[in-house]
């Protein structure tokens, strides 16, 4: 009887261990998938900025609006932190506003921008909304995305970006302008 009871407990213990480790694995896969998706969206933002000539002065504030699985809104602080080492300023949409017929920084205050190991305070001289509108996976390592920038009523452009995973990182391999206003 003791042998049967001991064997039963081992079976229960193995089941619980298996169930717990499976749960941990599922969470890890979900976290990895979320991290990969964030890297994909970051590549889209970088590709969009690069397509339109980059920010040569480093003074333009890019206010990001992101659509993920049909839900559009402000990106998280964690997502914005992916751009700390980039040569352009990013923020959420609340940092930009319409003034007359153009997009301007919502505040006149200085923004802290990290450049390498140093941080500087910068006053944006111009602003734009940068929208990541729709992302389509064509395979696990290939995607396309629609994005746009808006400077003002007569200053907006849209494009479609083609991305692929190269050496484990998402890269823009092609951009096509889709509309201009």
Protein backbone atom coordinates (compact mmCIF):
# COMPACT_ATOMS: atom_id res chain seq x y z
CA UNK A 1 0.00 0.00 0.00
CA UNK A 2 2.86 2.39 0.86
CA UNK A 3 4.50 1.65 -2.51
CA UNK A 4 1.27 2.49 -4.35
CA UNK A 5 0.80 5.68 -2.36
CA UNK A 6 4.46 6.70 -2.94
CA UNK A 7 4.11 6.00 -6.68
CA UNK A 8 0.90 8.05 -6.74
CA UNK A 9 2.65 11.00 -5.10
CA UNK A 10 5.49 10.79 -7.63
CA UNK A 11 2.97 10.88 -10.46
CA UNK A 12 1.23 13.91 -8.91
CA UNK A 13 4.59 15.61 -8.30
CA UNK A 14 5.71 14.98 -11.88
CA UNK A 15 2.38 16.29 -13.20
CA UNK A 16 2.63 19.48 -11.11
CA UNK A 17 6.27 20.01 -12.09
CA UNK A 18 5.38 19.49 -15.74
CA UNK A 19 2.42 21.86 -15.50
CA UNK A 20 4.49 24.54 -13.75
CA UNK A 21 7.39 24.31 -16.15
CA UNK A 22 4.98 24.39 -19.09
CA UNK A 23 3.44 27.59 -17.71
CA UNK A 24 6.86 29.18 -17.32
CA UNK A 25 7.74 28.19 -20.87
CA UNK A 26 4.50 29.66 -22.20
CA UNK A 27 5.14 32.95 -20.43
CA UNK A 28 8.69 33.05 -21.71
CA UNK A 29 7.51 32.46 -25.27
CA UNK A 30 4.88 35.19 -24.84
CA UNK A 31 7.48 37.59 -23.46
CA UNK A 32 9.86 36.76 -26.31
CA UNK A 33 7.08 37.29 -28.83
CA UNK A 34 6.23 40.68 -27.30
CA UNK A 35 9.90 41.68 -27.34
CA UNK A 36 10.21 40.59 -30.98
CA UNK A 37 7.08 42.56 -31.89
CA UNK A 38 8.48 45.65 -30.16
CA UNK A 39 11.72 45.28 -32.15
CA UNK A 40 9.67 44.99 -35.35
CA UNK A 41 7.76 48.19 -34.56
CA UNK A 42 11.01 49.98 -33.63
CA UNK A 43 12.48 48.97 -37.01
CA UNK A 44 9.38 50.42 -38.69
CA UNK A 45 9.83 53.75 -36.87
CA UNK A 46 13.54 53.89 -37.72
CA UNK A 47 12.85 52.95 -41.32
CA UNK A 48 10.18 55.63 -41.64
CA UNK A 49 12.49 58.34 -40.24
CA UNK A 50 15.33 57.18 -42.52
CA UNK A 51 13.04 57.08 -45.58
CA UNK A 52 12.14 60.74 -45.16
CA UNK A 53 15.76 61.84 -44.83
CA UNK A 54 16.31 61.27 -41.14
CA UNK A 55 16.62 64.12 -38.73
CA UNK A 56 19.81 65.86 -39.79
CA UNK A 57 19.55 68.50 -37.07
CA UNK A 58 18.33 66.27 -34.24
CA UNK A 59 15.81 69.00 -33.42
CA UNK A 60 12.60 67.42 -34.76
CA UNK A 61 10.31 65.77 -32.24
CA UNK A 62 8.66 62.60 -33.60
CA UNK A 63 5.39 61.99 -31.73
CA UNK A 64 4.56 58.31 -32.16
CA UNK A 65 1.09 56.85 -32.51
CA UNK A 66 1.09 53.08 -32.87
CA UNK A 67 -1.60 50.60 -33.88
CA UNK A 68 -1.12 47.06 -32.55
CA UNK A 69 -3.72 44.46 -33.50
CA UNK A 70 -6.31 47.11 -34.27
CA UNK A 71 -5.78 49.16 -31.09
CA UNK A 72 -4.21 52.57 -31.74
CA UNK A 73 -2.69 54.89 -29.19
CA UNK A 74 0.38 56.07 -27.37
CA UNK A 75 3.37 53.73 -27.16
CA UNK A 76 4.56 52.59 -23.76
CA UNK A 77 7.53 54.16 -22.00
CA UNK A 78 9.28 50.81 -22.39
CA UNK A 79 8.81 50.99 -26.18
CA UNK A 80 10.02 54.61 -26.28
CA UNK A 81 13.16 53.55 -24.37
CA UNK A 82 14.20 51.49 -27.43
CA UNK A 83 15.14 54.79 -29.11
CA UNK A 84 17.44 56.18 -26.42
CA UNK A 85 20.55 55.72 -28.57
CA UNK A 86 18.97 56.94 -31.83
CA UNK A 87 19.84 60.34 -33.28
CA UNK A 88 16.22 61.50 -33.32
CA UNK A 89 13.79 62.48 -30.56
CA UNK A 90 10.65 60.42 -29.93
CA UNK A 91 7.74 60.82 -27.58
CA UNK A 92 4.10 59.88 -27.36
CA UNK A 93 1.39 61.80 -29.24
CA UNK A 94 0.71 64.07 -26.25
CA UNK A 95 4.03 65.86 -26.88
CA UNK A 96 2.75 67.29 -30.21
CA UNK A 97 -0.22 69.50 -31.00
CA UNK A 98 -1.80 71.27 -33.94
CA UNK A 99 -1.19 75.00 -34.11
CA UNK A 100 -2.83 76.62 -37.09
CA UNK A 101 -2.06 74.34 -40.03
CA UNK A 102 1.04 72.60 -38.69
CA UNK A 103 2.23 70.21 -35.99
CA UNK A 104 4.36 71.80 -33.25
CA UNK A 105 5.82 70.65 -29.92
CA UNK A 106 3.10 70.81 -27.26
CA UNK A 107 5.48 72.39 -24.73
CA UNK A 108 8.29 74.86 -25.03
CA UNK A 109 10.23 72.98 -22.39
CA UNK A 110 13.52 71.26 -23.02
CA UNK A 111 13.58 67.51 -23.56
CA UNK A 112 16.31 65.27 -22.19
CA UNK A 113 18.01 63.42 -25.03
CA UNK A 114 20.58 60.70 -24.49
CA UNK A 115 23.55 60.79 -26.84
CA UNK A 116 25.98 58.03 -26.06
CA UNK A 117 26.87 58.23 -22.38
CA UNK A 118 25.69 61.83 -22.04
CA UNK A 119 22.32 63.48 -21.76
CA UNK A 120 21.58 66.93 -23.10
CA UNK A 121 18.57 69.19 -22.87
CA UNK A 122 17.17 70.05 -26.30
CA UNK A 123 14.34 72.31 -27.39
CA UNK A 124 12.65 70.79 -30.44
CA UNK A 125 12.46 73.26 -33.32
CA UNK A 126 9.81 71.28 -35.20
CA UNK A 127 7.48 68.34 -34.66
CA UNK A 128 5.60 65.68 -36.55
CA UNK A 129 3.24 62.83 -35.90
CA UNK A 130 4.68 59.48 -36.96
CA UNK A 131 2.02 56.78 -37.23
CA UNK A 132 2.62 53.05 -37.49
CA UNK A 133 -0.76 52.11 -38.89
CA UNK A 134 -0.89 48.50 -39.95
CA UNK A 135 1.54 45.58 -39.71
CA UNK A 136 1.11 42.34 -41.65
CA UNK A 137 3.23 39.25 -41.08
CA UNK A 138 3.77 37.38 -44.35
CA UNK A 139 5.85 34.69 -42.59
CA UNK A 140 7.60 34.45 -39.20
CA UNK A 141 10.60 36.29 -40.66
CA UNK A 142 8.89 38.66 -43.12
CA UNK A 143 6.44 41.52 -42.59
CA UNK A 144 5.11 44.64 -44.23
CA UNK A 145 3.84 47.79 -42.57
CA UNK A 146 2.03 50.99 -43.43
CA UNK A 147 3.34 54.14 -41.78
CA UNK A 148 2.95 57.89 -42.25
CA UNK A 149 4.32 61.20 -41.09
CA UNK A 150 2.36 64.43 -40.70
CA UNK A 151 4.00 67.86 -40.49
CA UNK A 152 0.86 69.84 -41.21
CA UNK A 153 -2.26 70.19 -43.34
CA UNK A 154 -0.19 70.21 -46.54
CA UNK A 155 2.71 68.13 -45.30
CA UNK A 156 2.00 64.43 -44.91
CA UNK A 157 3.33 61.27 -46.54
CA UNK A 158 2.54 57.59 -46.35
CA UNK A 159 4.66 54.58 -47.17
CA UNK A 160 4.72 50.82 -47.07
CA UNK A 161 7.80 49.19 -45.61
CA UNK A 162 8.93 45.62 -46.26
CA UNK A 163 10.87 44.06 -43.40
CA UNK A 164 12.71 40.82 -42.85
CA UNK A 165 14.57 39.28 -39.97
CA UNK A 166 18.31 39.34 -40.71
CA UNK A 167 20.67 37.72 -38.18
CA UNK A 168 17.84 37.71 -35.63
CA UNK A 169 16.98 41.43 -35.99
CA UNK A 170 14.25 43.13 -37.99
CA UNK A 171 15.53 45.23 -40.91
CA UNK A 172 13.73 47.37 -43.47
CA UNK A 173 14.61 46.00 -46.91
CA UNK A 174 12.30 48.13 -49.06
CA UNK A 175 10.13 51.24 -48.82
CA UNK A 176 7.48 52.37 -51.27
CA UNK A 177 5.83 55.80 -51.09
CA UNK A 178 2.05 55.28 -51.18
CA UNK A 179 0.63 58.79 -50.88
CA UNK A 180 1.61 62.46 -50.46
CA UNK A 181 -0.40 65.42 -49.24
